Amino acid sequence: MSVYTKLACFAGGALFGSFGIKLLSSKDAKKAYVHVTAAGLRMKDSVMGTVTTVQENAADILASAKELNDDRTAKEAEEAAAANLESEEA
């Protein structure tokens, strides 16, 4: 690249940077930041509500699964006791 191209790129970057800082610190930009942040907070509340629902459902499923396993274990114990009783009678 020639010296003039490098100088033009530097000047353009400095000009764009100065304009960019003014643009980012303007009242309109502040309004946009507020709206984006508010939308993010609303989304967070919505997602957290969904997460809470999923956690409650998972806890219910876990409790039901444990109850099912306890019932199954009790039934297997009864069957084993009945089988032992029959083998002792024979």
N, C-alpha and C. Protein backbone atom coordinates (compact mmCIF):
# COMPACT_ATOMS: atom_id res chain seq x y z
N MET A 1 0.84 -1.17 0.00
CA MET A 1 0.00 0.00 0.00
C MET A 1 0.89 1.24 0.00
N SER A 2 0.40 2.22 -0.67
CA SER A 2 1.18 3.46 -0.71
C SER A 2 0.94 4.28 0.56
N VAL A 3 1.74 5.25 0.75
CA VAL A 3 1.66 6.10 1.94
C VAL A 3 0.32 6.84 1.95
N TYR A 4 -0.15 7.25 0.78
CA TYR A 4 -1.41 7.99 0.70
C TYR A 4 -2.60 7.10 1.07
N THR A 5 -2.55 5.85 0.69
CA THR A 5 -3.63 4.92 1.03
C THR A 5 -3.67 4.68 2.53
N LYS A 6 -2.51 4.51 3.11
CA LYS A 6 -2.44 4.31 4.56
C LYS A 6 -2.93 5.55 5.30
N LEU A 7 -2.54 6.71 4.82
CA LEU A 7 -2.95 7.97 5.43
C LEU A 7 -4.46 8.16 5.30
N ALA A 8 -5.00 7.82 4.13
CA ALA A 8 -6.45 7.94 3.90
C ALA A 8 -7.21 6.97 4.80
N CYS A 9 -6.71 5.77 4.96
CA CYS A 9 -7.37 4.79 5.84
C CYS A 9 -7.33 5.27 7.29
N PHE A 10 -6.20 5.83 7.72
CA PHE A 10 -6.09 6.34 9.08
C PHE A 10 -7.05 7.51 9.29
N ALA A 11 -7.10 8.43 8.37
CA ALA A 11 -7.98 9.60 8.49
C ALA A 11 -9.45 9.15 8.49
N GLY A 12 -9.78 8.23 7.61
CA GLY A 12 -11.15 7.73 7.56
C GLY A 12 -11.53 7.02 8.85
N GLY A 13 -10.62 6.24 9.39
CA GLY A 13 -10.88 5.54 10.65
C GLY A 13 -11.04 6.50 11.80
N ALA A 14 -10.21 7.53 11.85
CA ALA A 14 -10.31 8.52 12.92
C ALA A 14 -11.63 9.28 12.82
N LEU A 15 -12.02 9.66 11.59
CA LEU A 15 -13.27 10.38 11.38
C LEU A 15 -14.46 9.51 11.74
N PHE A 16 -14.44 8.26 11.28
CA PHE A 16 -15.53 7.34 11.59
C PHE A 16 -15.59 7.06 13.10
N GLY A 17 -14.43 6.95 13.74
CA GLY A 17 -14.39 6.71 15.18
C GLY A 17 -14.98 7.86 15.95
N SER A 18 -14.64 9.08 15.57
CA SER A 18 -15.20 10.26 16.25
C SER A 18 -16.70 10.33 16.05
N PHE A 19 -17.14 10.10 14.83
CA PHE A 19 -18.57 10.12 14.54
C PHE A 19 -19.27 8.97 15.27
N GLY A 20 -18.62 7.82 15.34
CA GLY A 20 -19.21 6.67 16.02
C GLY A 20 -19.41 6.91 17.50
N ILE A 21 -18.45 7.58 18.14
CA ILE A 21 -18.58 7.87 19.57
C ILE A 21 -19.74 8.83 19.80
N LYS A 22 -19.87 9.84 18.95
CA LYS A 22 -20.99 10.78 19.08
C LYS A 22 -22.31 10.06 18.86
N LEU A 23 -22.33 9.17 17.88
CA LEU A 23 -23.55 8.42 17.58
C LEU A 23 -23.93 7.50 18.75
N LEU A 24 -22.95 6.82 19.31
CA LEU A 24 -23.22 5.90 20.41
C LEU A 24 -23.63 6.59 21.70
N SER A 25 -23.24 7.85 21.87
CA SER A 25 -23.58 8.57 23.09
C SER A 25 -24.77 9.52 22.91
N SER A 26 -25.48 9.41 21.82
CA SER A 26 -26.62 10.29 21.57
C SER A 26 -27.84 9.85 22.37
N LYS A 27 -28.84 10.74 22.43
CA LYS A 27 -30.08 10.43 23.16
C LYS A 27 -30.83 9.28 22.49
N ASP A 28 -30.82 9.28 21.16
CA ASP A 28 -31.50 8.19 20.45
C ASP A 28 -30.85 6.84 20.74
N ALA A 29 -29.53 6.83 20.81
CA ALA A 29 -28.83 5.59 21.13
C ALA A 29 -29.17 5.16 22.54
N LYS A 30 -29.26 6.12 23.46
CA LYS A 30 -29.60 5.79 24.85
C LYS A 30 -30.99 5.17 24.91
N LYS A 31 -31.94 5.72 24.14
CA LYS A 31 -33.29 5.14 24.10
C LYS A 31 -33.24 3.70 23.59
N ALA A 32 -32.45 3.49 22.55
CA ALA A 32 -32.33 2.14 21.99
C ALA A 32 -31.73 1.19 23.02
N TYR A 33 -30.71 1.64 23.76
CA TYR A 33 -30.10 0.80 24.79
C TYR A 33 -31.12 0.44 25.86
N VAL A 34 -31.94 1.42 26.25
CA VAL A 34 -32.95 1.18 27.28
C VAL A 34 -33.96 0.15 26.79
N HIS A 35 -34.41 0.28 25.53
CA HIS A 35 -35.40 -0.65 25.00
C HIS A 35 -34.82 -2.06 24.87
N VAL A 36 -33.59 -2.16 24.43
CA VAL A 36 -32.96 -3.48 24.29
C VAL A 36 -32.77 -4.12 25.65
N THR A 37 -32.35 -3.33 26.64
CA THR A 37 -32.15 -3.85 27.99
C THR A 37 -33.48 -4.30 28.59
N ALA A 38 -34.54 -3.50 28.38
CA ALA A 38 -35.86 -3.87 28.90
C ALA A 38 -36.35 -5.16 28.26
N ALA A 39 -36.13 -5.29 26.95
CA ALA A 39 -36.53 -6.52 26.27
C ALA A 39 -35.75 -7.72 26.82
N GLY A 40 -34.48 -7.51 27.09
CA GLY A 40 -33.67 -8.59 27.67
C GLY A 40 -34.16 -9.00 29.04
N LEU A 41 -34.56 -8.03 29.85
CA LEU A 41 -35.08 -8.35 31.19
C LEU A 41 -36.42 -9.09 31.09
N ARG A 42 -37.27 -8.66 30.15
CA ARG A 42 -38.55 -9.37 29.96
C ARG A 42 -38.30 -10.81 29.52
N MET A 43 -37.35 -10.98 28.63
CA MET A 43 -37.03 -12.32 28.15
C MET A 43 -36.50 -13.17 29.31
N LYS A 44 -35.66 -12.58 30.15
CA LYS A 44 -35.11 -13.31 31.30
C LYS A 44 -36.24 -13.77 32.22
N ASP A 45 -37.20 -12.88 32.49
CA ASP A 45 -38.33 -13.26 33.35
C ASP A 45 -39.13 -14.41 32.73
N SER A 46 -39.34 -14.33 31.44
CA SER A 46 -40.09 -15.38 30.75
C SER A 46 -39.34 -16.71 30.81
N VAL A 47 -38.06 -16.66 30.53
CA VAL A 47 -37.24 -17.88 30.53
C VAL A 47 -37.18 -18.47 31.94
N MET A 48 -37.03 -17.60 32.94
CA MET A 48 -36.95 -18.11 34.31
C MET A 48 -38.27 -18.75 34.74
N GLY A 49 -39.41 -18.22 34.26
CA GLY A 49 -40.69 -18.86 34.53
C GLY A 49 -40.75 -20.25 33.93
N THR A 50 -40.25 -20.37 32.72
CA THR A 50 -40.22 -21.67 32.05
C THR A 50 -39.30 -22.63 32.78
N VAL A 51 -38.15 -22.13 33.20
CA VAL A 51 -37.18 -22.96 33.92
C VAL A 51 -37.79 -23.46 35.23
N THR A 52 -38.50 -22.59 35.93
CA THR A 52 -39.14 -22.98 37.19
C THR A 52 -40.17 -24.08 36.94
N THR A 53 -40.97 -23.94 35.89
CA THR A 53 -41.97 -24.95 35.56
C THR A 53 -41.31 -26.29 35.24
N VAL A 54 -40.23 -26.25 34.46
CA VAL A 54 -39.53 -27.49 34.10
C VAL A 54 -38.94 -28.14 35.35
N GLN A 55 -38.38 -27.34 36.25
CA GLN A 55 -37.80 -27.90 37.48
C GLN A 55 -38.89 -28.54 38.34
N GLU A 56 -40.05 -27.89 38.44
CA GLU A 56 -41.14 -28.47 39.22
C GLU A 56 -41.61 -29.79 38.61
N ASN A 57 -41.72 -29.81 37.28
CA ASN A 57 -42.13 -31.05 36.60
C ASN A 57 -41.08 -32.14 36.80
N ALA A 58 -39.81 -31.78 36.74
CA ALA A 58 -38.75 -32.77 36.95
C ALA A 58 -38.80 -33.33 38.36
N ALA A 59 -39.10 -32.49 39.35
CA ALA A 59 -39.20 -32.96 40.73
C ALA A 59 -40.38 -33.92 40.87
N ASP A 60 -41.51 -33.61 40.23
CA ASP A 60 -42.67 -34.50 40.26
C ASP A 60 -42.35 -35.83 39.60
N ILE A 61 -41.68 -35.78 38.47
CA ILE A 61 -41.32 -37.02 37.76
C ILE A 61 -40.38 -37.86 38.60
N LEU A 62 -39.41 -37.23 39.24
CA LEU A 62 -38.47 -37.96 40.09
C LEU A 62 -39.19 -38.62 41.26
N ALA A 63 -40.11 -37.91 41.89
CA ALA A 63 -40.86 -38.47 43.02
C ALA A 63 -41.71 -39.66 42.55
N SER A 64 -42.35 -39.52 41.39
CA SER A 64 -43.16 -40.62 40.86
C SER A 64 -42.30 -41.83 40.52
N ALA A 65 -41.12 -41.58 39.96
CA ALA A 65 -40.23 -42.68 39.61
C ALA A 65 -39.74 -43.42 40.86
N LYS A 66 -39.42 -42.67 41.91
CA LYS A 66 -38.99 -43.31 43.16
C LYS A 66 -40.12 -44.13 43.76
N GLU A 67 -41.33 -43.60 43.71
CA GLU A 67 -42.49 -44.33 44.24
C GLU A 67 -42.72 -45.61 43.44
N LEU A 68 -42.58 -45.51 42.12
CA LEU A 68 -42.75 -46.68 41.26
C LEU A 68 -41.70 -47.74 41.58
N ASN A 69 -40.46 -47.31 41.77
CA ASN A 69 -39.40 -48.27 42.11
C ASN A 69 -39.64 -48.89 43.49
N ASP A 70 -40.11 -48.11 44.45
CA ASP A 70 -40.42 -48.66 45.78
C ASP A 70 -41.53 -49.70 45.69
N ASP A 71 -42.58 -49.40 44.92
CA ASP A 71 -43.68 -50.36 44.74
C ASP A 71 -43.18 -51.64 44.08
N ARG A 72 -42.31 -51.47 43.07
CA ARG A 72 -41.78 -52.63 42.36
C ARG A 72 -40.92 -53.49 43.30
N THR A 73 -40.10 -52.83 44.10
CA THR A 73 -39.25 -53.56 45.04
C THR A 73 -40.10 -54.32 46.06
N ALA A 74 -41.16 -53.68 46.56
CA ALA A 74 -42.05 -54.34 47.52
C ALA A 74 -42.73 -55.54 46.87
N LYS A 75 -43.17 -55.38 45.62
CA LYS A 75 -43.84 -56.49 44.92
C LYS A 75 -42.87 -57.65 44.69
N GLU A 76 -41.63 -57.34 44.32
CA GLU A 76 -40.63 -58.39 44.12
C GLU A 76 -40.31 -59.10 45.43
N ALA A 77 -40.30 -58.34 46.53
CA ALA A 77 -40.04 -58.95 47.85
C ALA A 77 -41.19 -59.88 48.22
N GLU A 78 -42.43 -59.47 47.94
CA GLU A 78 -43.58 -60.34 48.21
C GLU A 78 -43.50 -61.61 47.39
N GLU A 79 -43.15 -61.47 46.11
CA GLU A 79 -43.05 -62.65 45.25
C GLU A 79 -41.93 -63.57 45.72
N ALA A 80 -40.82 -63.02 46.16
CA ALA A 80 -39.72 -63.83 46.66
C ALA A 80 -40.12 -64.54 47.94
N ALA A 81 -40.86 -63.85 48.82
CA ALA A 81 -41.32 -64.47 50.06
C ALA A 81 -42.30 -65.59 49.75
N ALA A 82 -43.18 -65.38 48.79
CA ALA A 82 -44.15 -66.41 48.40
C ALA A 82 -43.42 -67.62 47.81
N ALA A 83 -42.38 -67.35 47.00
CA ALA A 83 -41.62 -68.45 46.40
C ALA A 83 -40.88 -69.23 47.48
N ASN A 84 -40.34 -68.55 48.49
CA ASN A 84 -39.66 -69.22 49.60
C ASN A 84 -40.64 -70.06 50.40
N LEU A 85 -41.85 -69.55 50.62
CA LEU A 85 -42.87 -70.26 51.37
C LEU A 85 -43.27 -71.53 50.63
N GLU A 86 -43.43 -71.43 49.31
CA GLU A 86 -43.79 -72.60 48.52
C GLU A 86 -42.68 -73.64 48.51
N SER A 87 -41.43 -73.19 48.46
CA SER A 87 -40.33 -74.15 48.44
C SER A 87 -40.16 -74.84 49.81
N GLU A 88 -40.51 -74.13 50.88
CA GLU A 88 -40.43 -74.74 52.21
C GLU A 88 -41.54 -75.76 52.39
N GLU A 89 -42.72 -75.50 51.80
CA GLU A 89 -43.84 -76.42 51.94
C GLU A 89 -43.59 -77.69 51.13
N ALA A 90 -42.82 -77.60 50.09
CA ALA A 90 -42.61 -78.76 49.22
C ALA A 90 -41.59 -79.70 49.76
